Amino acid sequence: MKVHLFGLPKSAHIRLKEESDLWRNAVPVPHEFRSTPILSNELGRINNSEVEELARAVGEGFNHIVLAGVREWQKIYARLLYDGRIHIARLKEPIRDLPWPALQATLHAVVSLDEEWLRKLSPGDLRHPLILPPSVFATNRETEDYWQHCDVYSRDRFGSAEQV
């Protein structure tokens, strides 16, 4: 799994990178980690070039995204809605004063959650319903009552609905 931390203001990013010894153990082995700060120290404001940078990282496989201090997360959702697993880090400390152990614990919790998701819920093949677009499940005149006519649920097979 490739985890991308996005949205720390430059000053917090630099400080935490130093405190963490260049992001050592930011995520458990064997997972990979990348952090991209926002270009401003103004908390939470992102621009389109930063969103594009994040999209490029997703193209490199960093599609488990942790947003820290991003107030304009709708810009990211609009661009990457189906391309990544996006987590909003719910940090109790102010971002500028965030201690490395608190951020590390958050990153490890995200990885743990995503490992569980991959193990239990992730689609196993390309025809899995979680991957198909919603329009695939839209009904039309020919299929809207299909469940009432198919062999498994047919009233003819079981009699009336009260008997089922």
C-alpha atoms as a PDB file:
ATOM      1  CA  MET A   1       0.000   0.000   0.000  1.00  0.00           C
ATOM      2  CA  LYS A   2       1.243   3.478  -0.857  1.00  0.00           C
ATOM      3  CA  VAL A   3       0.088   6.161   1.596  1.00  0.00           C
ATOM      4  CA  HIS A   4       0.182   9.852   0.757  1.00  0.00           C
ATOM      5  CA  LEU A   5      -0.099  12.503   3.472  1.00  0.00           C
ATOM      6  CA  PHE A   6      -1.318  15.738   1.949  1.00  0.00           C
ATOM      7  CA  GLY A   7      -2.045  19.193   3.255  1.00  0.00           C
ATOM      8  CA  LEU A   8       0.410  20.014   6.009  1.00  0.00           C
ATOM      9  CA  PRO A   9       1.494  23.655   5.850  1.00  0.00           C
ATOM     10  CA  LYS A  10       5.144  24.012   4.775  1.00  0.00           C
ATOM     11  CA  SER A  11       6.440  24.854   8.241  1.00  0.00           C
ATOM     12  CA  ALA A  12       4.677  21.900   9.897  1.00  0.00           C
ATOM     13  CA  HIS A  13       5.794  19.577   7.097  1.00  0.00           C
ATOM     14  CA  ILE A  14       9.457  20.581   7.503  1.00  0.00           C
ATOM     15  CA  ARG A  15       9.333  20.308  11.299  1.00  0.00           C
ATOM     16  CA  LEU A  16       7.608  16.909  11.298  1.00  0.00           C
ATOM     17  CA  LYS A  17       9.923  15.554   8.611  1.00  0.00           C
ATOM     18  CA  GLU A  18      12.877  16.409  10.869  1.00  0.00           C
ATOM     19  CA  GLU A  19      11.205  15.080  14.035  1.00  0.00           C
ATOM     20  CA  SER A  20      10.372  11.816  12.276  1.00  0.00           C
ATOM     21  CA  ASP A  21      13.900  11.302  10.956  1.00  0.00           C
ATOM     22  CA  LEU A  22      12.788  11.756   7.323  1.00  0.00           C
ATOM     23  CA  TRP A  23       9.408  10.050   7.880  1.00  0.00           C
ATOM     24  CA  ARG A  24      10.999   6.877   9.259  1.00  0.00           C
ATOM     25  CA  ASN A  25       8.232   4.492  10.367  1.00  0.00           C
ATOM     26  CA  ALA A  26       5.519   6.895   9.209  1.00  0.00           C
ATOM     27  CA  VAL A  27       3.642   3.790   8.087  1.00  0.00           C
ATOM     28  CA  PRO A  28       4.275   0.144   8.946  1.00  0.00           C
ATOM     29  CA  VAL A  29       6.608  -1.947   6.789  1.00  0.00           C
ATOM     30  CA  PRO A  30       6.193  -2.888   3.888  1.00  0.00           C
ATOM     31  CA  HIS A  31       4.000   0.077   2.991  1.00  0.00           C
ATOM     32  CA  GLU A  32       5.393   3.166   1.251  1.00  0.00           C
ATOM     33  CA  PHE A  33       4.911   6.764   2.367  1.00  0.00           C
ATOM     34  CA  ARG A  34       4.971  10.173   0.738  1.00  0.00           C
ATOM     35  CA  SER A  35       4.107  13.585   2.138  1.00  0.00           C
ATOM     36  CA  THR A  36       3.292  16.638   0.059  1.00  0.00           C
ATOM     37  CA  PRO A  37       2.908  19.945   1.877  1.00  0.00           C
ATOM     38  CA  ILE A  38       0.723  22.750   0.687  1.00  0.00           C
ATOM     39  CA  LEU A  39       2.705  25.684  -0.606  1.00  0.00           C
ATOM     40  CA  SER A  40       1.277  28.111   1.900  1.00  0.00           C
ATOM     41  CA  ASN A  41       1.408  28.351   5.650  1.00  0.00           C
ATOM     42  CA  GLU A  42      -2.200  29.492   5.549  1.00  0.00           C
ATOM     43  CA  LEU A  43      -3.955  26.512   7.059  1.00  0.00           C
ATOM     44  CA  GLY A  44      -6.207  24.510   4.824  1.00  0.00           C
ATOM     45  CA  ARG A  45      -6.121  26.488   1.578  1.00  0.00           C
ATOM     46  CA  ILE A  46      -5.096  24.496  -1.486  1.00  0.00           C
ATOM     47  CA  ASN A  47      -4.745  25.514  -5.104  1.00  0.00           C
ATOM     48  CA  ASN A  48      -5.318  23.623  -8.341  1.00  0.00           C
ATOM     49  CA  SER A  49      -1.616  22.903  -8.924  1.00  0.00           C
ATOM     50  CA  GLU A  50      -1.446  21.182  -5.528  1.00  0.00           C
ATOM     51  CA  VAL A  51      -4.472  19.062  -6.395  1.00  0.00           C
ATOM     52  CA  GLU A  52      -2.776  18.152  -9.695  1.00  0.00           C
ATOM     53  CA  GLU A  53       0.375  17.164  -7.781  1.00  0.00           C
ATOM     54  CA  LEU A  54      -1.759  14.888  -5.640  1.00  0.00           C
ATOM     55  CA  ALA A  55      -3.365  13.412  -8.782  1.00  0.00           C
ATOM     56  CA  ARG A  56       0.102  12.663 -10.216  1.00  0.00           C
ATOM     57  CA  ALA A  57       1.025  10.840  -7.018  1.00  0.00           C
ATOM     58  CA  VAL A  58      -2.179   8.791  -7.301  1.00  0.00           C
ATOM     59  CA  GLY A  59      -1.051   7.894 -10.827  1.00  0.00           C
ATOM     60  CA  GLU A  60       2.138   6.512  -9.256  1.00  0.00           C
ATOM     61  CA  GLY A  61       0.088   4.318  -6.914  1.00  0.00           C
ATOM     62  CA  PHE A  62      -0.113   6.602  -3.861  1.00  0.00           C
ATOM     63  CA  ASN A  63      -3.882   6.202  -3.726  1.00  0.00           C
ATOM     64  CA  HIS A  64      -4.377   5.879   0.036  1.00  0.00           C
ATOM     65  CA  ILE A  65      -4.613   9.582   0.804  1.00  0.00           C
ATOM     66  CA  VAL A  66      -4.613  11.138   4.266  1.00  0.00           C
ATOM     67  CA  LEU A  67      -5.708  14.770   4.361  1.00  0.00           C
ATOM     68  CA  ALA A  68      -4.346  16.738   7.300  1.00  0.00           C
ATOM     69  CA  GLY A  69      -5.673  20.230   7.921  1.00  0.00           C
ATOM     70  CA  VAL A  70      -7.256  20.567   4.477  1.00  0.00           C
ATOM     71  CA  ARG A  71     -10.395  22.671   4.667  1.00  0.00           C
ATOM     72  CA  GLU A  72     -11.077  22.602   0.943  1.00  0.00           C
ATOM     73  CA  TRP A  73     -11.264  18.819   0.708  1.00  0.00           C
ATOM     74  CA  GLN A  74     -14.163  19.095  -1.769  1.00  0.00           C
ATOM     75  CA  LYS A  75     -11.617  20.079  -4.445  1.00  0.00           C
ATOM     76  CA  ILE A  76      -9.815  16.807  -3.844  1.00  0.00           C
ATOM     77  CA  TYR A  77     -12.973  14.710  -3.753  1.00  0.00           C
ATOM     78  CA  ALA A  78     -14.164  16.269  -7.007  1.00  0.00           C
ATOM     79  CA  ARG A  79     -10.857  15.376  -8.709  1.00  0.00           C
ATOM     80  CA  LEU A  80     -10.114  11.985  -7.115  1.00  0.00           C
ATOM     81  CA  LEU A  81     -13.504  10.623  -6.099  1.00  0.00           C
ATOM     82  CA  TYR A  82     -12.999   7.195  -7.687  1.00  0.00           C
ATOM     83  CA  ASP A  83      -9.205   7.128  -7.875  1.00  0.00           C
ATOM     84  CA  GLY A  84      -8.258   6.816  -4.252  1.00  0.00           C
ATOM     85  CA  ARG A  85      -9.175   5.958  -0.682  1.00  0.00           C
ATOM     86  CA  ILE A  86      -9.363   9.347   0.993  1.00  0.00           C
ATOM     87  CA  HIS A  87      -9.156   9.752   4.768  1.00  0.00           C
ATOM     88  CA  ILE A  88      -9.534  13.000   6.659  1.00  0.00           C
ATOM     89  CA  ALA A  89      -7.158  12.966   9.625  1.00  0.00           C
ATOM     90  CA  ARG A  90      -9.147  13.980  12.702  1.00  0.00           C
ATOM     91  CA  LEU A  91      -6.295  15.470  14.691  1.00  0.00           C
ATOM     92  CA  LYS A  92      -6.932  16.865  18.159  1.00  0.00           C
ATOM     93  CA  GLU A  93      -3.881  19.115  18.202  1.00  0.00           C
ATOM     94  CA  PRO A  94      -3.496  22.253  16.082  1.00  0.00           C
ATOM     95  CA  ILE A  95      -1.633  21.327  12.886  1.00  0.00           C
ATOM     96  CA  ARG A  96       1.159  23.848  13.479  1.00  0.00           C
ATOM     97  CA  ASP A  97       1.900  22.290  16.898  1.00  0.00           C
ATOM     98  CA  LEU A  98       1.172  18.668  15.975  1.00  0.00           C
ATOM     99  CA  PRO A  99       3.684  16.311  17.629  1.00  0.00           C
ATOM    100  CA  TRP A 100       5.200  13.566  15.482  1.00  0.00           C
ATOM    101  CA  PRO A 101       3.908  10.660  17.666  1.00  0.00           C
ATOM    102  CA  ALA A 102       0.305  11.873  17.247  1.00  0.00           C
ATOM    103  CA  LEU A 103       0.615  12.093  13.477  1.00  0.00           C
ATOM    104  CA  GLN A 104       2.392   8.736  13.319  1.00  0.00           C
ATOM    105  CA  ALA A 105      -0.391   7.093  15.348  1.00  0.00           C
ATOM    106  CA  THR A 106      -2.975   8.556  12.962  1.00  0.00           C
ATOM    107  CA  LEU A 107      -1.102   7.270   9.914  1.00  0.00           C
ATOM    108  CA  HIS A 108      -0.753   3.799  11.438  1.00  0.00           C
ATOM    109  CA  ALA A 109      -4.492   3.771  12.248  1.00  0.00           C
ATOM    110  CA  VAL A 110      -5.331   4.669   8.638  1.00  0.00           C
ATOM    111  CA  VAL A 111      -3.089   1.888   7.337  1.00  0.00           C
ATOM    112  CA  SER A 112      -4.674  -0.577   9.754  1.00  0.00           C
ATOM    113  CA  LEU A 113      -8.161   0.427   8.624  1.00  0.00           C
ATOM    114  CA  ASP A 114      -7.238   0.137   4.956  1.00  0.00           C
ATOM    115  CA  GLU A 115      -5.569  -3.239   5.496  1.00  0.00           C
ATOM    116  CA  GLU A 116      -8.814  -4.451   7.069  1.00  0.00           C
ATOM    117  CA  TRP A 117     -10.818  -2.993   4.188  1.00  0.00           C
ATOM    118  CA  LEU A 118      -8.575  -4.694   1.639  1.00  0.00           C
ATOM    119  CA  ARG A 119      -8.836  -7.997   3.491  1.00  0.00           C
ATOM    120  CA  LYS A 120     -12.612  -7.983   3.996  1.00  0.00           C
ATOM    121  CA  LEU A 121     -14.303  -5.610   1.525  1.00  0.00           C
ATOM    122  CA  SER A 122     -12.047  -4.907  -1.408  1.00  0.00           C
ATOM    123  CA  PRO A 123     -13.375  -6.127  -4.756  1.00  0.00           C
ATOM    124  CA  GLY A 124     -11.817  -9.427  -5.744  1.00  0.00           C
ATOM    125  CA  ASP A 125     -12.190  -9.035  -9.521  1.00  0.00           C
ATOM    126  CA  LEU A 126     -12.981  -6.442 -12.147  1.00  0.00           C
ATOM    127  CA  ARG A 127     -16.654  -7.484 -12.330  1.00  0.00           C
ATOM    128  CA  HIS A 128     -17.308  -6.870  -8.641  1.00  0.00           C
ATOM    129  CA  PRO A 129     -20.351  -4.626  -7.895  1.00  0.00           C
ATOM    130  CA  LEU A 130     -18.241  -2.154  -5.904  1.00  0.00           C
ATOM    131  CA  ILE A 131     -16.345  -1.266  -9.083  1.00  0.00           C
ATOM    132  CA  LEU A 132     -19.288  -1.024 -11.470  1.00  0.00           C
ATOM    133  CA  PRO A 133     -20.761   2.453 -12.053  1.00  0.00           C
ATOM    134  CA  PRO A 134     -24.189   3.157 -10.496  1.00  0.00           C
ATOM    135  CA  SER A 135     -25.877   3.184 -13.907  1.00  0.00           C
ATOM    136  CA  VAL A 136     -25.310  -0.581 -14.135  1.00  0.00           C
ATOM    137  CA  PHE A 137     -27.820  -1.033 -11.317  1.00  0.00           C
ATOM    138  CA  ALA A 138     -30.465   1.294 -12.712  1.00  0.00           C
ATOM    139  CA  THR A 139     -33.694  -0.484 -13.535  1.00  0.00           C
ATOM    140  CA  ASN A 140     -35.677  -0.178 -16.716  1.00  0.00           C
ATOM    141  CA  ARG A 141     -39.112  -1.369 -17.756  1.00  0.00           C
ATOM    142  CA  GLU A 142     -37.898  -4.896 -18.578  1.00  0.00           C
ATOM    143  CA  THR A 143     -36.028  -5.450 -15.297  1.00  0.00           C
ATOM    144  CA  GLU A 144     -37.778  -3.411 -12.623  1.00  0.00           C
ATOM    145  CA  ASP A 145     -39.781  -6.377 -11.218  1.00  0.00           C
ATOM    146  CA  TYR A 146     -37.267  -9.040 -12.129  1.00  0.00           C
ATOM    147  CA  TRP A 147     -36.879 -10.304  -8.566  1.00  0.00           C
ATOM    148  CA  GLN A 148     -40.583 -11.202  -8.495  1.00  0.00           C
ATOM    149  CA  HIS A 149     -40.312 -13.330 -11.646  1.00  0.00           C
ATOM    150  CA  CYS A 150     -36.994 -15.119 -11.242  1.00  0.00           C
ATOM    151  CA  ASP A 151     -36.893 -18.744 -10.128  1.00  0.00           C
ATOM    152  CA  VAL A 152     -35.396 -18.108  -6.726  1.00  0.00           C
ATOM    153  CA  TYR A 153     -38.015 -15.616  -5.551  1.00  0.00           C
ATOM    154  CA  SER A 154     -40.947 -16.630  -7.735  1.00  0.00           C
ATOM    155  CA  ARG A 155     -44.380 -16.666  -6.052  1.00  0.00           C
ATOM    156  CA  ASP A 156     -45.198 -19.718  -8.183  1.00  0.00           C
ATOM    157  CA  ARG A 157     -42.373 -21.628  -6.528  1.00  0.00           C
ATOM    158  CA  PHE A 158     -43.255 -20.678  -2.950  1.00  0.00           C
ATOM    159  CA  GLY A 159     -46.912 -19.757  -3.173  1.00  0.00           C
ATOM    160  CA  SER A 160     -48.034 -16.501  -1.634  1.00  0.00           C
ATOM    161  CA  ALA A 161     -45.741 -13.997   0.019  1.00  0.00           C
ATOM    162  CA  GLU A 162     -47.151 -14.949   3.423  1.00  0.00           C
ATOM    163  CA  GLN A 163     -45.769 -18.496   3.034  1.00  0.00           C
ATOM    164  CA  VAL A 164     -42.286 -17.217   2.245  1.00  0.00           C
END
